[in-house]
Amino acid sequence: MTSGTSRTRRPSLQARLVAALVPVALAAAEPQTAETEDATQPWGLEQLMIELGQVQHSKAHFVERRYLKVLKSPLELSGTLAYDAPDRLVKRTLE
């Protein structure tokens, strides 16, 4: 079955995992103060991976909005993300 619309390319599994883990890492990270900030070290993927390596367990709520041409308003999903080191990520969609 083909249609006149082109298929959009889905992000890779690695990109989706990083996108899912960012809120978990941010929820688990300690807030930085002016004394603890290091102005020479920009926060990026490397720092994210270091901080994720220090997290043993974390849980966060999420809201995901999907925009589809066939719907008049976005499809909204919400639930929880749970991370258990080293390799378990569970996404529970509740609504």
Protein backbone atom coordinates (compact mmCIF):
# COMPACT_ATOMS: atom_id res chain seq x y z
CA MET A 1 0.00 0.00 0.00
CA THR A 2 1.50 3.29 -1.07
CA SER A 3 0.30 6.84 -0.73
CA GLY A 4 1.28 10.21 -2.13
CA THR A 5 2.86 11.31 1.15
CA SER A 6 6.47 10.64 1.95
CA ARG A 7 7.40 8.80 5.13
CA THR A 8 9.31 10.76 7.71
CA ARG A 9 12.50 9.24 8.99
CA ARG A 10 12.37 8.01 12.59
CA PRO A 11 15.21 8.91 14.95
CA SER A 12 17.67 6.14 15.76
CA LEU A 13 17.28 4.11 18.94
CA GLN A 14 20.33 5.84 20.43
CA ALA A 15 18.87 9.30 19.72
CA ARG A 16 15.53 8.30 21.25
CA LEU A 17 17.23 6.89 24.37
CA VAL A 18 19.29 10.05 24.88
CA ALA A 19 16.16 12.17 24.39
CA ALA A 20 14.30 10.03 26.92
CA LEU A 21 17.14 10.06 29.45
CA VAL A 22 17.75 13.82 29.41
CA PRO A 23 14.74 14.59 31.65
CA VAL A 24 15.70 11.72 33.95
CA ALA A 25 19.27 13.04 34.28
CA LEU A 26 18.07 16.59 34.82
CA ALA A 27 15.66 15.46 37.54
CA ALA A 28 18.45 13.56 39.27
CA ALA A 29 21.15 16.22 38.87
CA GLU A 30 21.93 18.50 41.77
CA PRO A 31 21.37 22.21 41.14
CA GLN A 32 24.64 24.04 40.57
CA THR A 33 25.58 27.19 42.38
CA ALA A 34 28.05 29.86 41.32
CA GLU A 35 30.72 28.23 43.52
CA THR A 36 30.33 24.77 41.93
CA GLU A 37 29.98 25.85 38.30
CA ASP A 38 33.06 25.50 36.15
CA ALA A 39 32.84 28.14 33.43
CA THR A 40 35.47 26.33 31.32
CA GLN A 41 33.36 23.14 31.04
CA PRO A 42 30.23 23.62 28.90
CA TRP A 43 27.39 21.23 29.68
CA GLY A 44 26.83 18.85 26.78
CA LEU A 45 26.53 15.21 25.77
CA GLU A 46 29.78 14.22 27.48
CA GLN A 47 28.68 15.76 30.79
CA LEU A 48 25.22 14.15 30.39
CA MET A 49 26.78 10.72 29.97
CA ILE A 50 29.00 11.27 33.04
CA GLU A 51 25.99 12.27 35.14
CA LEU A 52 23.92 9.36 33.82
CA GLY A 53 26.72 7.02 34.83
CA GLN A 54 26.34 8.22 38.43
CA VAL A 55 22.56 7.66 38.56
CA GLN A 56 21.47 4.27 39.85
CA HIS A 57 17.71 4.89 39.71
CA SER A 58 15.50 7.76 38.62
CA LYS A 59 11.86 8.34 37.76
CA ALA A 60 10.25 11.22 35.88
CA HIS A 61 6.85 12.16 34.44
CA PHE A 62 6.56 12.93 30.73
CA VAL A 63 4.09 14.49 28.32
CA GLU A 64 4.47 13.67 24.63
CA ARG A 65 2.54 15.40 21.87
CA ARG A 66 2.26 13.84 18.43
CA TYR A 67 1.11 15.99 15.54
CA LEU A 68 -0.54 14.01 12.76
CA LYS A 69 -2.06 15.42 9.58
CA VAL A 70 -5.19 13.30 10.00
CA LEU A 71 -5.96 14.77 13.46
CA LYS A 72 -7.27 18.27 14.16
CA SER A 73 -5.43 18.49 17.48
CA PRO A 74 -2.26 16.81 18.74
CA LEU A 75 -2.41 13.35 20.28
CA GLU A 76 -1.21 13.80 23.86
CA LEU A 77 0.35 10.93 25.79
CA SER A 78 1.56 11.12 29.38
CA GLY A 79 3.08 8.76 31.88
CA THR A 80 6.33 7.94 33.63
CA LEU A 81 9.90 7.09 32.67
CA ALA A 82 11.89 4.91 35.05
CA TYR A 83 15.63 4.27 34.71
CA ASP A 84 17.55 1.56 36.55
CA ALA A 85 21.30 1.38 35.95
CA PRO A 86 22.94 0.14 33.89
CA ASP A 87 20.52 -0.76 31.11
CA ARG A 88 16.85 -0.59 31.96
CA LEU A 89 14.53 2.18 30.78
CA VAL A 90 10.79 1.72 31.19
CA LYS A 91 8.26 4.06 29.59
CA ARG A 92 4.75 3.67 31.01
CA THR A 93 2.06 5.51 29.11
CA LEU A 94 -0.83 6.14 31.52
CA GLU A 95 -3.04 8.46 29.45
